[in-house]
N, C-alpha and C. Protein backbone atom coordinates (compact mmCIF):
# COMPACT_ATOMS: atom_id res chain seq x y z
N UNK A 1 0.83 -1.19 0.00
CA UNK A 1 0.00 0.00 0.00
C UNK A 1 0.87 1.25 0.00
N UNK A 2 1.94 1.21 0.81
CA UNK A 2 2.83 2.37 0.90
C UNK A 2 3.47 2.65 -0.45
N UNK A 3 3.86 1.64 -1.18
CA UNK A 3 4.48 1.81 -2.49
C UNK A 3 3.48 2.42 -3.47
N UNK A 4 2.23 2.01 -3.40
CA UNK A 4 1.20 2.56 -4.28
C UNK A 4 0.99 4.04 -4.00
N UNK A 5 0.99 4.45 -2.75
CA UNK A 5 0.83 5.86 -2.39
C UNK A 5 2.04 6.68 -2.83
N UNK A 6 3.21 6.10 -2.78
CA UNK A 6 4.41 6.80 -3.23
C UNK A 6 4.32 7.14 -4.70
N UNK A 7 3.83 6.23 -5.51
CA UNK A 7 3.63 6.49 -6.93
C UNK A 7 2.58 7.56 -7.16
N UNK A 8 1.54 7.55 -6.35
CA UNK A 8 0.48 8.55 -6.45
C UNK A 8 1.03 9.94 -6.15
N UNK A 9 1.81 10.06 -5.08
CA UNK A 9 2.39 11.36 -4.71
C UNK A 9 3.35 11.87 -5.78
N UNK A 10 4.11 10.96 -6.32
CA UNK A 10 5.03 11.36 -7.40
C UNK A 10 4.25 11.84 -8.62
N UNK A 11 3.17 11.13 -8.94
CA UNK A 11 2.32 11.54 -10.06
C UNK A 11 1.72 12.93 -9.80
N UNK A 12 1.25 13.15 -8.58
CA UNK A 12 0.65 14.44 -8.24
C UNK A 12 1.69 15.56 -8.31
N UNK A 13 2.91 15.32 -7.84
CA UNK A 13 3.98 16.32 -7.94
C UNK A 13 4.27 16.66 -9.40
N UNK A 14 4.36 15.64 -10.22
CA UNK A 14 4.62 15.83 -11.65
C UNK A 14 3.47 16.60 -12.30
N UNK A 15 2.22 16.23 -11.98
CA UNK A 15 1.05 16.91 -12.53
C UNK A 15 1.03 18.38 -12.12
N UNK A 16 1.39 18.66 -10.87
CA UNK A 16 1.43 20.05 -10.39
C UNK A 16 2.49 20.84 -11.15
N UNK A 17 3.64 20.22 -11.39
CA UNK A 17 4.70 20.88 -12.14
C UNK A 17 4.24 21.21 -13.56
N UNK A 18 3.59 20.25 -14.22
CA UNK A 18 3.10 20.46 -15.58
C UNK A 18 2.05 21.57 -15.59
N UNK A 19 1.14 21.57 -14.63
CA UNK A 19 0.10 22.60 -14.56
C UNK A 19 0.74 23.98 -14.36
N UNK A 20 1.72 24.07 -13.48
CA UNK A 20 2.41 25.33 -13.24
C UNK A 20 3.13 25.79 -14.50
N UNK A 21 3.78 24.89 -15.19
CA UNK A 21 4.48 25.24 -16.43
C UNK A 21 3.50 25.76 -17.48
N UNK A 22 2.33 25.16 -17.58
CA UNK A 22 1.32 25.61 -18.54
C UNK A 22 0.79 27.00 -18.17
N UNK A 23 0.60 27.27 -16.90
CA UNK A 23 0.15 28.59 -16.46
C UNK A 23 1.20 29.64 -16.79
N UNK A 24 2.46 29.36 -16.48
CA UNK A 24 3.54 30.31 -16.78
C UNK A 24 3.61 30.56 -18.28
N UNK A 25 3.51 29.53 -19.07
CA UNK A 25 3.53 29.68 -20.53
C UNK A 25 2.38 30.56 -21.01
N UNK A 26 1.18 30.31 -20.49
CA UNK A 26 0.00 31.10 -20.90
C UNK A 26 0.16 32.56 -20.53
N UNK A 27 0.71 32.84 -19.36
CA UNK A 27 0.91 34.23 -18.94
C UNK A 27 1.94 34.91 -19.82
N UNK A 28 3.05 34.24 -20.07
CA UNK A 28 4.10 34.83 -20.90
C UNK A 28 3.60 35.08 -22.31
N UNK A 29 2.93 34.13 -22.90
CA UNK A 29 2.43 34.30 -24.26
C UNK A 29 1.32 35.34 -24.29
N UNK A 30 0.43 35.33 -23.31
CA UNK A 30 -0.67 36.28 -23.27
C UNK A 30 -0.20 37.71 -23.04
N UNK A 31 0.77 37.91 -22.18
CA UNK A 31 1.26 39.26 -21.87
C UNK A 31 2.33 39.72 -22.83
N UNK A 32 3.03 38.81 -23.43
CA UNK A 32 4.13 39.18 -24.30
C UNK A 32 3.78 39.12 -25.76
N UNK A 33 2.50 39.16 -26.06
CA UNK A 33 2.06 39.10 -27.45
C UNK A 33 2.43 40.36 -28.20
N UNK A 34 2.04 40.39 -29.44
CA UNK A 34 2.35 41.54 -30.28
C UNK A 34 1.58 42.76 -29.81
N UNK A 35 2.24 43.93 -29.91
CA UNK A 35 1.55 45.18 -29.60
C UNK A 35 0.58 45.49 -30.72
N UNK A 36 -0.50 46.14 -30.35
CA UNK A 36 -1.48 46.54 -31.36
C UNK A 36 -0.92 47.73 -32.13
N UNK A 37 -1.06 47.68 -33.43
CA UNK A 37 -0.58 48.81 -34.25
C UNK A 37 -1.77 49.65 -34.68
N UNK A 38 -1.50 50.95 -34.83
CA UNK A 38 -2.54 51.91 -35.16
C UNK A 38 -2.04 52.77 -36.31
N UNK A 39 -2.92 53.08 -37.26
CA UNK A 39 -2.56 53.94 -38.38
C UNK A 39 -2.91 55.39 -38.05
N UNK A 40 -1.97 56.29 -38.31
CA UNK A 40 -2.16 57.71 -38.01
C UNK A 40 -3.22 58.29 -38.96
N UNK A 41 -4.25 58.94 -38.38
CA UNK A 41 -5.28 59.55 -39.22
C UNK A 41 -4.84 60.92 -39.74
N UNK A 42 -5.53 61.43 -40.76
CA UNK A 42 -5.26 62.77 -41.30
C UNK A 42 -5.99 63.78 -40.43
N UNK A 43 -5.25 64.68 -39.80
CA UNK A 43 -5.82 65.63 -38.85
C UNK A 43 -5.72 67.08 -39.30
N UNK A 44 -4.93 67.35 -40.31
CA UNK A 44 -4.73 68.72 -40.79
C UNK A 44 -6.06 69.27 -41.29
N UNK A 45 -6.37 70.50 -40.86
CA UNK A 45 -7.61 71.15 -41.27
C UNK A 45 -8.75 70.98 -40.28
N UNK A 46 -8.55 70.12 -39.28
CA UNK A 46 -9.58 69.94 -38.26
C UNK A 46 -9.39 70.94 -37.12
N UNK A 47 -10.49 71.30 -36.44
CA UNK A 47 -10.39 72.12 -35.24
C UNK A 47 -9.66 71.32 -34.17
N UNK A 48 -8.91 72.03 -33.32
CA UNK A 48 -8.09 71.37 -32.31
C UNK A 48 -8.84 70.32 -31.48
N UNK A 49 -10.01 70.64 -30.89
CA UNK A 49 -10.67 69.63 -30.05
C UNK A 49 -11.02 68.36 -30.81
N UNK A 50 -11.49 68.51 -32.03
CA UNK A 50 -11.86 67.35 -32.84
C UNK A 50 -10.62 66.53 -33.18
N UNK A 51 -9.56 67.20 -33.62
CA UNK A 51 -8.32 66.50 -33.96
C UNK A 51 -7.77 65.75 -32.75
N UNK A 52 -7.78 66.41 -31.59
CA UNK A 52 -7.29 65.79 -30.36
C UNK A 52 -8.10 64.54 -30.04
N UNK A 53 -9.43 64.66 -30.10
CA UNK A 53 -10.29 63.52 -29.76
C UNK A 53 -10.14 62.36 -30.74
N UNK A 54 -10.03 62.67 -32.03
CA UNK A 54 -9.84 61.61 -33.04
C UNK A 54 -8.56 60.84 -32.76
N UNK A 55 -7.47 61.57 -32.52
CA UNK A 55 -6.18 60.92 -32.27
C UNK A 55 -6.19 60.14 -30.95
N UNK A 56 -6.75 60.72 -29.91
CA UNK A 56 -6.80 60.05 -28.61
C UNK A 56 -7.67 58.80 -28.69
N UNK A 57 -8.79 58.89 -29.40
CA UNK A 57 -9.68 57.73 -29.55
C UNK A 57 -9.01 56.58 -30.31
N UNK A 58 -8.06 56.91 -31.18
CA UNK A 58 -7.32 55.88 -31.91
C UNK A 58 -6.23 55.25 -31.05
N UNK A 59 -5.96 55.84 -29.88
CA UNK A 59 -4.98 55.27 -28.96
C UNK A 59 -3.66 56.01 -28.90
N UNK A 60 -3.58 57.20 -29.48
CA UNK A 60 -2.34 57.96 -29.46
C UNK A 60 -2.26 58.85 -28.23
N UNK A 61 -1.03 59.11 -27.79
CA UNK A 61 -0.77 60.15 -26.80
C UNK A 61 -0.60 61.43 -27.61
N UNK A 62 -1.44 62.42 -27.39
CA UNK A 62 -1.46 63.61 -28.24
C UNK A 62 -0.73 64.76 -27.56
N UNK A 63 0.19 65.36 -28.30
CA UNK A 63 0.88 66.57 -27.84
C UNK A 63 0.42 67.71 -28.75
N UNK A 64 0.06 68.84 -28.15
CA UNK A 64 -0.41 69.99 -28.91
C UNK A 64 0.63 71.10 -28.83
N UNK A 65 1.03 71.59 -30.00
CA UNK A 65 1.92 72.75 -30.09
C UNK A 65 1.11 73.88 -30.72
N UNK A 66 1.29 75.09 -30.21
CA UNK A 66 0.58 76.24 -30.77
C UNK A 66 1.59 77.25 -31.28
N UNK A 67 1.22 77.89 -32.38
CA UNK A 67 2.11 78.90 -32.94
C UNK A 67 1.44 79.60 -34.10
N UNK A 68 1.99 80.75 -34.48
CA UNK A 68 1.42 81.49 -35.62
C UNK A 68 1.59 80.68 -36.90
N UNK A 69 0.60 80.80 -37.76
CA UNK A 69 0.66 80.08 -39.03
C UNK A 69 -0.13 80.82 -40.09
N UNK A 70 0.40 80.81 -41.29
CA UNK A 70 -0.34 81.33 -42.43
C UNK A 70 -1.03 80.18 -43.17
N UNK A 71 -0.83 78.95 -42.66
CA UNK A 71 -1.37 77.77 -43.32
C UNK A 71 -2.83 77.48 -42.95
N UNK A 72 -3.36 78.16 -41.95
CA UNK A 72 -4.74 77.88 -41.56
C UNK A 72 -5.23 78.87 -40.54
N UNK A 73 -6.56 78.91 -40.33
CA UNK A 73 -7.14 79.84 -39.37
C UNK A 73 -6.87 79.43 -37.92
N UNK A 74 -7.04 80.38 -37.03
CA UNK A 74 -6.81 80.17 -35.60
C UNK A 74 -7.64 78.99 -35.09
N UNK A 75 -6.98 78.14 -34.32
CA UNK A 75 -7.67 77.00 -33.71
C UNK A 75 -7.72 75.75 -34.55
N UNK A 76 -7.16 75.82 -35.76
CA UNK A 76 -7.18 74.65 -36.65
C UNK A 76 -5.78 74.04 -36.75
N UNK A 77 -5.73 72.72 -36.94
CA UNK A 77 -4.46 72.00 -37.09
C UNK A 77 -3.89 72.32 -38.47
N UNK A 78 -2.62 72.77 -38.48
CA UNK A 78 -1.98 73.05 -39.76
C UNK A 78 -0.82 72.11 -40.07
N UNK A 79 -0.43 71.28 -39.08
CA UNK A 79 0.65 70.31 -39.31
C UNK A 79 0.53 69.20 -38.28
N UNK A 80 1.01 68.02 -38.64
CA UNK A 80 1.03 66.90 -37.71
C UNK A 80 2.26 66.05 -37.96
N UNK A 81 2.74 65.41 -36.92
CA UNK A 81 3.85 64.46 -37.02
C UNK A 81 3.56 63.31 -36.09
N UNK A 82 3.68 62.09 -36.51
CA UNK A 82 4.02 61.66 -37.86
C UNK A 82 2.88 61.91 -38.83
N UNK A 83 3.20 61.74 -40.10
CA UNK A 83 2.23 61.98 -41.16
C UNK A 83 1.15 60.91 -41.17
N UNK A 84 0.02 61.25 -41.79
CA UNK A 84 -1.08 60.30 -41.88
C UNK A 84 -0.63 59.06 -42.65
N UNK A 85 -1.22 57.94 -42.27
CA UNK A 85 -0.89 56.68 -42.94
C UNK A 85 0.25 55.92 -42.29
N UNK A 86 1.01 56.59 -41.42
CA UNK A 86 2.10 55.93 -40.71
C UNK A 86 1.52 54.94 -39.70
N UNK A 87 2.14 53.79 -39.57
CA UNK A 87 1.68 52.79 -38.61
C UNK A 87 2.59 52.83 -37.38
N UNK A 88 1.96 53.00 -36.21
CA UNK A 88 2.69 53.07 -34.94
C UNK A 88 2.06 52.12 -33.93
N UNK A 89 2.76 51.91 -32.83
CA UNK A 89 2.19 51.08 -31.77
C UNK A 89 1.16 51.89 -30.98
N UNK A 90 0.21 51.20 -30.42
CA UNK A 90 -0.82 51.83 -29.60
C UNK A 90 -0.15 52.58 -28.46
N UNK A 91 -0.56 53.83 -28.22
CA UNK A 91 0.01 54.64 -27.16
C UNK A 91 1.16 55.51 -27.60
N UNK A 92 1.53 55.44 -28.89
CA UNK A 92 2.64 56.25 -29.41
C UNK A 92 2.25 57.74 -29.40
N UNK A 93 3.27 58.61 -29.40
CA UNK A 93 3.02 60.05 -29.38
C UNK A 93 2.75 60.57 -30.78
N UNK A 94 1.75 61.43 -30.88
CA UNK A 94 1.40 62.11 -32.11
C UNK A 94 1.32 63.60 -31.76
N UNK A 95 2.00 64.42 -32.54
CA UNK A 95 2.02 65.87 -32.27
C UNK A 95 1.22 66.60 -33.34
N UNK A 96 0.37 67.52 -32.88
CA UNK A 96 -0.36 68.38 -33.81
C UNK A 96 0.03 69.83 -33.53
N UNK A 97 0.12 70.62 -34.59
CA UNK A 97 0.41 72.05 -34.47
C UNK A 97 -0.87 72.81 -34.81
N UNK A 98 -1.25 73.71 -33.90
CA UNK A 98 -2.50 74.46 -34.03
C UNK A 98 -2.18 75.94 -34.20
N UNK A 99 -2.83 76.56 -35.19
CA UNK A 99 -2.62 77.99 -35.45
C UNK A 99 -3.13 78.82 -34.28
N UNK A 100 -2.30 79.76 -33.83
CA UNK A 100 -2.68 80.61 -32.69
C UNK A 100 -3.04 82.03 -33.14
N UNK A 101 -2.97 82.30 -34.44
CA UNK A 101 -3.27 83.66 -34.91
C UNK A 101 -4.52 83.71 -35.73
């Protein structure tokens, strides 16, 4: 009987090790997967609040720069970096320049 229990305990130890290994694998694969990529939208010509919301809703960290511009009316985006169509990782920084004159 004692020998039979010894085999059972060894089996249970092995099963626990396998289960732990599978959990670690699932966590590593689940957390270390590919980052989501996002395409930069065209924001030039939009009013600042709309441009900001569009970019933020797409997952970008938005930085706003203000300055005089002859390229557009006050409060409108006249330049952006990176350019539209660029593919970046979710949470990447996107800068818009808004006319202040």
